[in-house]
Amino acid sequence: APVETQFGWHLIQLINRGVLPLSDALYTNEQNAYYQNWLSEVKDAAEIKINDVWKDVVPSDPSIQ
């Protein structure tokens, strides 16, 4: 069916439909991109609380006794 966009009407013809194998490098790139997107979503959804109580216990200038 014709498709209307901001540039007018277009006819789209599908020439071939098939599954093409990925090269090892492209597969690794896609895998890394998926992981980075997933990690970003998890970080954005996480409620992170930083507890700095250790700063009161650890000396700022360590010395050897």
PDB file of N, CA and C in Angstrom:
ATOM      1  N   ALA A   1       0.850  -1.190   0.000  1.00  0.00           N
ATOM      2  CA  ALA A   1       0.000   0.000   0.000  1.00  0.00           C
ATOM      3  C   ALA A   1       0.892   1.249   0.000  1.00  0.00           C
ATOM      4  N   PRO A   2       0.447   2.328  -0.605  1.00  0.00           N
ATOM      5  CA  PRO A   2       1.224   3.566  -0.602  1.00  0.00           C
ATOM      6  C   PRO A   2       1.405   4.103   0.816  1.00  0.00           C
ATOM      7  N   VAL A   3       2.548   4.744   1.028  1.00  0.00           N
ATOM      8  CA  VAL A   3       2.889   5.305   2.326  1.00  0.00           C
ATOM      9  C   VAL A   3       3.043   6.801   2.172  1.00  0.00           C
ATOM     10  N   GLU A   4       2.366   7.563   3.058  1.00  0.00           N
ATOM     11  CA  GLU A   4       2.477   9.025   2.994  1.00  0.00           C
ATOM     12  C   GLU A   4       3.454   9.500   4.064  1.00  0.00           C
ATOM     13  N   THR A   5       4.420  10.334   3.636  1.00  0.00           N
ATOM     14  CA  THR A   5       5.362  10.950   4.564  1.00  0.00           C
ATOM     15  C   THR A   5       5.297  12.450   4.372  1.00  0.00           C
ATOM     16  N   GLN A   6       6.156  13.153   5.070  1.00  0.00           N
ATOM     17  CA  GLN A   6       6.177  14.612   4.936  1.00  0.00           C
ATOM     18  C   GLN A   6       6.674  15.044   3.551  1.00  0.00           C
ATOM     19  N   PHE A   7       7.269  14.109   2.792  1.00  0.00           N
ATOM     20  CA  PHE A   7       7.786  14.422   1.464  1.00  0.00           C
ATOM     21  C   PHE A   7       6.841  13.994   0.351  1.00  0.00           C
ATOM     22  N   GLY A   8       5.690  13.406   0.705  1.00  0.00           N
ATOM     23  CA  GLY A   8       4.720  12.986  -0.301  1.00  0.00           C
ATOM     24  C   GLY A   8       4.386  11.517  -0.166  1.00  0.00           C
ATOM     25  N   TRP A   9       3.856  10.932  -1.249  1.00  0.00           N
ATOM     26  CA  TRP A   9       3.448   9.538  -1.259  1.00  0.00           C
ATOM     27  C   TRP A   9       4.559   8.679  -1.839  1.00  0.00           C
ATOM     28  N   HIS A  10       4.721   7.457  -1.282  1.00  0.00           N
ATOM     29  CA  HIS A  10       5.791   6.566  -1.719  1.00  0.00           C
ATOM     30  C   HIS A  10       5.245   5.154  -1.880  1.00  0.00           C
ATOM     31  N   LEU A  11       5.802   4.439  -2.860  1.00  0.00           N
ATOM     32  CA  LEU A  11       5.511   3.024  -3.044  1.00  0.00           C
ATOM     33  C   LEU A  11       6.761   2.247  -2.637  1.00  0.00           C
ATOM     34  N   ILE A  12       6.602   1.270  -1.770  1.00  0.00           N
ATOM     35  CA  ILE A  12       7.729   0.488  -1.285  1.00  0.00           C
ATOM     36  C   ILE A  12       7.555  -0.939  -1.774  1.00  0.00           C
ATOM     37  N   GLN A  13       8.590  -1.461  -2.444  1.00  0.00           N
ATOM     38  CA  GLN A  13       8.532  -2.813  -2.967  1.00  0.00           C
ATOM     39  C   GLN A  13       9.577  -3.661  -2.247  1.00  0.00           C
ATOM     40  N   LEU A  14       9.140  -4.779  -1.692  1.00  0.00           N
ATOM     41  CA  LEU A  14      10.035  -5.714  -1.046  1.00  0.00           C
ATOM     42  C   LEU A  14      10.585  -6.652  -2.109  1.00  0.00           C
ATOM     43  N   ILE A  15      11.910  -6.632  -2.275  1.00  0.00           N
ATOM     44  CA  ILE A  15      12.545  -7.450  -3.306  1.00  0.00           C
ATOM     45  C   ILE A  15      12.889  -8.840  -2.764  1.00  0.00           C
ATOM     46  N   ASN A  16      13.425  -8.896  -1.558  1.00  0.00           N
ATOM     47  CA  ASN A  16      13.891 -10.162  -1.017  1.00  0.00           C
ATOM     48  C   ASN A  16      13.710 -10.155   0.491  1.00  0.00           C
ATOM     49  N   ARG A  17      13.329 -11.274   1.022  1.00  0.00           N
ATOM     50  CA  ARG A  17      13.222 -11.421   2.465  1.00  0.00           C
ATOM     51  C   ARG A  17      13.974 -12.685   2.830  1.00  0.00           C
ATOM     52  N   GLY A  18      14.943 -12.530   3.714  1.00  0.00           N
ATOM     53  CA  GLY A  18      15.723 -13.690   4.101  1.00  0.00           C
ATOM     54  C   GLY A  18      16.555 -13.375   5.321  1.00  0.00           C
ATOM     55  N   VAL A  19      17.178 -14.375   5.846  1.00  0.00           N
ATOM     56  CA  VAL A  19      18.040 -14.222   7.006  1.00  0.00           C
ATOM     57  C   VAL A  19      19.475 -14.290   6.519  1.00  0.00           C
ATOM     58  N   LEU A  20      20.225 -13.230   6.797  1.00  0.00           N
ATOM     59  CA  LEU A  20      21.622 -13.191   6.393  1.00  0.00           C
ATOM     60  C   LEU A  20      22.499 -13.421   7.616  1.00  0.00           C
ATOM     61  N   PRO A  21      23.547 -14.207   7.474  1.00  0.00           N
ATOM     62  CA  PRO A  21      24.426 -14.463   8.615  1.00  0.00           C
ATOM     63  C   PRO A  21      25.249 -13.220   8.961  1.00  0.00           C
ATOM     64  N   LEU A  22      25.547 -13.060  10.250  1.00  0.00           N
ATOM     65  CA  LEU A  22      26.385 -11.960  10.701  1.00  0.00           C
ATOM     66  C   LEU A  22      27.836 -12.426  10.782  1.00  0.00           C
ATOM     67  N   SER A  23      28.739 -11.509  10.473  1.00  0.00           N
ATOM     68  CA  SER A  23      30.147 -11.840  10.667  1.00  0.00           C
ATOM     69  C   SER A  23      30.433 -11.841  12.167  1.00  0.00           C
ATOM     70  N   ASP A  24      31.536 -12.430  12.563  1.00  0.00           N
ATOM     71  CA  ASP A  24      31.883 -12.486  13.982  1.00  0.00           C
ATOM     72  C   ASP A  24      32.036 -11.092  14.569  1.00  0.00           C
ATOM     73  N   ALA A  25      32.659 -10.192  13.824  1.00  0.00           N
ATOM     74  CA  ALA A  25      32.871  -8.825  14.308  1.00  0.00           C
ATOM     75  C   ALA A  25      31.546  -8.087  14.463  1.00  0.00           C
ATOM     76  N   LEU A  26      30.656  -8.223  13.475  1.00  0.00           N
ATOM     77  CA  LEU A  26      29.363  -7.550  13.545  1.00  0.00           C
ATOM     78  C   LEU A  26      28.515  -8.135  14.672  1.00  0.00           C
ATOM     79  N   TYR A  27      28.582  -9.453  14.852  1.00  0.00           N
ATOM     80  CA  TYR A  27      27.846 -10.087  15.947  1.00  0.00           C
ATOM     81  C   TYR A  27      28.334  -9.567  17.296  1.00  0.00           C
ATOM     82  N   THR A  28      29.636  -9.451  17.457  1.00  0.00           N
ATOM     83  CA  THR A  28      30.218  -8.951  18.704  1.00  0.00           C
ATOM     84  C   THR A  28      29.806  -7.503  18.936  1.00  0.00           C
ATOM     85  N   ASN A  29      29.821  -6.685  17.882  1.00  0.00           N
ATOM     86  CA  ASN A  29      29.398  -5.288  18.004  1.00  0.00           C
ATOM     87  C   ASN A  29      27.938  -5.185  18.417  1.00  0.00           C
ATOM     88  N   GLU A  30      27.079  -5.983  17.810  1.00  0.00           N
ATOM     89  CA  GLU A  30      25.654  -5.963  18.150  1.00  0.00           C
ATOM     90  C   GLU A  30      25.424  -6.446  19.576  1.00  0.00           C
ATOM     91  N   GLN A  31      26.168  -7.454  19.980  1.00  0.00           N
ATOM     92  CA  GLN A  31      26.052  -7.985  21.327  1.00  0.00           C
ATOM     93  C   GLN A  31      26.475  -6.930  22.354  1.00  0.00           C
ATOM     94  N   ASN A  32      27.575  -6.230  22.086  1.00  0.00           N
ATOM     95  CA  ASN A  32      28.044  -5.169  22.986  1.00  0.00           C
ATOM     96  C   ASN A  32      27.058  -4.011  23.046  1.00  0.00           C
ATOM     97  N   ALA A  33      26.489  -3.637  21.914  1.00  0.00           N
ATOM     98  CA  ALA A  33      25.519  -2.545  21.882  1.00  0.00           C
ATOM     99  C   ALA A  33      24.274  -2.919  22.675  1.00  0.00           C
ATOM    100  N   TYR A  34      23.804  -4.148  22.531  1.00  0.00           N
ATOM    101  CA  TYR A  34      22.633  -4.613  23.280  1.00  0.00           C
ATOM    102  C   TYR A  34      22.923  -4.578  24.777  1.00  0.00           C
ATOM    103  N   TYR A  35      24.108  -5.043  25.169  1.00  0.00           N
ATOM    104  CA  TYR A  35      24.483  -5.056  26.579  1.00  0.00           C
ATOM    105  C   TYR A  35      24.566  -3.640  27.137  1.00  0.00           C
ATOM    106  N   GLN A  36      25.168  -2.723  26.387  1.00  0.00           N
ATOM    107  CA  GLN A  36      25.289  -1.338  26.849  1.00  0.00           C
ATOM    108  C   GLN A  36      23.911  -0.692  27.014  1.00  0.00           C
ATOM    109  N   ASN A  37      23.001  -0.951  26.079  1.00  0.00           N
ATOM    110  CA  ASN A  37      21.638  -0.421  26.195  1.00  0.00           C
ATOM    111  C   ASN A  37      20.941  -0.999  27.418  1.00  0.00           C
ATOM    112  N   TRP A  38      21.092  -2.315  27.629  1.00  0.00           N
ATOM    113  CA  TRP A  38      20.482  -2.962  28.785  1.00  0.00           C
ATOM    114  C   TRP A  38      21.051  -2.386  30.074  1.00  0.00           C
ATOM    115  N   LEU A  39      22.358  -2.224  30.144  1.00  0.00           N
ATOM    116  CA  LEU A  39      23.003  -1.708  31.340  1.00  0.00           C
ATOM    117  C   LEU A  39      22.556  -0.278  31.627  1.00  0.00           C
ATOM    118  N   SER A  40      22.433   0.537  30.605  1.00  0.00           N
ATOM    119  CA  SER A  40      21.959   1.918  30.784  1.00  0.00           C
ATOM    120  C   SER A  40      20.538   1.938  31.337  1.00  0.00           C
ATOM    121  N   GLU A  41      19.672   1.076  30.814  1.00  0.00           N
ATOM    122  CA  GLU A  41      18.292   1.014  31.312  1.00  0.00           C
ATOM    123  C   GLU A  41      18.250   0.576  32.765  1.00  0.00           C
ATOM    124  N   VAL A  42      19.068  -0.403  33.123  1.00  0.00           N
ATOM    125  CA  VAL A  42      19.098  -0.886  34.501  1.00  0.00           C
ATOM    126  C   VAL A  42      19.617   0.205  35.437  1.00  0.00           C
ATOM    127  N   LYS A  43      20.666   0.909  35.015  1.00  0.00           N
ATOM    128  CA  LYS A  43      21.215   1.989  35.839  1.00  0.00           C
ATOM    129  C   LYS A  43      20.196   3.110  36.024  1.00  0.00           C
ATOM    130  N   ASP A  44      19.492   3.457  34.958  1.00  0.00           N
ATOM    131  CA  ASP A  44      18.494   4.527  35.045  1.00  0.00           C
ATOM    132  C   ASP A  44      17.337   4.137  35.962  1.00  0.00           C
ATOM    133  N   ALA A  45      16.982   2.850  35.983  1.00  0.00           N
ATOM    134  CA  ALA A  45      15.862   2.390  36.797  1.00  0.00           C
ATOM    135  C   ALA A  45      16.268   2.122  38.245  1.00  0.00           C
ATOM    136  N   ALA A  46      17.569   1.996  38.494  1.00  0.00           N
ATOM    137  CA  ALA A  46      18.041   1.653  39.834  1.00  0.00           C
ATOM    138  C   ALA A  46      18.007   2.864  40.757  1.00  0.00           C
ATOM    139  N   GLU A  47      17.773   2.573  42.025  1.00  0.00           N
ATOM    140  CA  GLU A  47      17.832   3.614  43.041  1.00  0.00           C
ATOM    141  C   GLU A  47      19.162   3.431  43.775  1.00  0.00           C
ATOM    142  N   ILE A  48      20.113   4.286  43.470  1.00  0.00           N
ATOM    143  CA  ILE A  48      21.463   4.150  44.000  1.00  0.00           C
ATOM    144  C   ILE A  48      21.639   5.071  45.197  1.00  0.00           C
ATOM    145  N   LYS A  49      22.101   4.487  46.296  1.00  0.00           N
ATOM    146  CA  LYS A  49      22.358   5.253  47.507  1.00  0.00           C
ATOM    147  C   LYS A  49      23.819   5.035  47.884  1.00  0.00           C
ATOM    148  N   ILE A  50      24.563   6.126  48.010  1.00  0.00           N
ATOM    149  CA  ILE A  50      25.973   6.044  48.348  1.00  0.00           C
ATOM    150  C   ILE A  50      26.138   6.361  49.827  1.00  0.00           C
ATOM    151  N   ASN A  51      26.675   5.410  50.558  1.00  0.00           N
ATOM    152  CA  ASN A  51      26.928   5.587  51.984  1.00  0.00           C
ATOM    153  C   ASN A  51      28.416   5.878  52.181  1.00  0.00           C
ATOM    154  N   ASP A  52      28.720   7.047  52.702  1.00  0.00           N
ATOM    155  CA  ASP A  52      30.104   7.437  52.908  1.00  0.00           C
ATOM    156  C   ASP A  52      30.512   7.334  54.368  1.00  0.00           C
ATOM    157  N   VAL A  53      29.935   6.404  55.116  1.00  0.00           N
ATOM    158  CA  VAL A  53      30.252   6.272  56.531  1.00  0.00           C
ATOM    159  C   VAL A  53      31.677   5.794  56.743  1.00  0.00           C
ATOM    160  N   TRP A  54      32.261   5.144  55.784  1.00  0.00           N
ATOM    161  CA  TRP A  54      33.623   4.647  55.917  1.00  0.00           C
ATOM    162  C   TRP A  54      34.630   5.789  56.035  1.00  0.00           C
ATOM    163  N   LYS A  55      34.295   6.971  55.538  1.00  0.00           N
ATOM    164  CA  LYS A  55      35.221   8.106  55.591  1.00  0.00           C
ATOM    165  C   LYS A  55      35.491   8.537  57.030  1.00  0.00           C
ATOM    166  N   ASP A  56      34.542   8.295  57.937  1.00  0.00           N
ATOM    167  CA  ASP A  56      34.737   8.655  59.332  1.00  0.00           C
ATOM    168  C   ASP A  56      35.637   7.641  60.058  1.00  0.00           C
ATOM    169  N   VAL A  57      35.755   6.430  59.536  1.00  0.00           N
ATOM    170  CA  VAL A  57      36.490   5.366  60.210  1.00  0.00           C
ATOM    171  C   VAL A  57      37.924   5.245  59.686  1.00  0.00           C
ATOM    172  N   VAL A  58      38.115   5.454  58.402  1.00  0.00           N
ATOM    173  CA  VAL A  58      39.426   5.272  57.767  1.00  0.00           C
ATOM    174  C   VAL A  58      40.241   6.560  57.928  1.00  0.00           C
ATOM    175  N   PRO A  59      41.494   6.454  58.390  1.00  0.00           N
ATOM    176  CA  PRO A  59      42.313   7.645  58.537  1.00  0.00           C
ATOM    177  C   PRO A  59      42.684   8.230  57.186  1.00  0.00           C
ATOM    178  N   SER A  60      42.779   9.547  57.110  1.00  0.00           N
ATOM    179  CA  SER A  60      43.106  10.196  55.842  1.00  0.00           C
ATOM    180  C   SER A  60      44.586  10.098  55.524  1.00  0.00           C
ATOM    181  N   ASP A  61      45.438   9.963  56.569  1.00  0.00           N
ATOM    182  CA  ASP A  61      46.866   9.829  56.375  1.00  0.00           C
ATOM    183  C   ASP A  61      47.341   8.567  57.085  1.00  0.00           C
ATOM    184  N   PRO A  62      47.446   7.458  56.345  1.00  0.00           N
ATOM    185  CA  PRO A  62      47.852   6.214  57.011  1.00  0.00           C
ATOM    186  C   PRO A  62      49.308   6.278  57.468  1.00  0.00           C
ATOM    187  N   SER A  63      49.573   5.661  58.590  1.00  0.00           N
ATOM    188  CA  SER A  63      50.942   5.604  59.097  1.00  0.00           C
ATOM    189  C   SER A  63      51.262   4.181  59.517  1.00  0.00           C
ATOM    190  N   ILE A  64      52.521   3.829  59.405  1.00  0.00           N
ATOM    191  CA  ILE A  64      52.970   2.487  59.787  1.00  0.00           C
ATOM    192  C   ILE A  64      53.447   2.549  61.227  1.00  0.00           C
ATOM    193  N   GLN A  65      52.958   1.648  62.037  1.00  0.00           N
ATOM    194  CA  GLN A  65      53.348   1.648  63.460  1.00  0.00           C
ATOM    195  C   GLN A  65      54.497   0.708  63.717  1.00  0.00           C
TER     196      GLN A  65
END
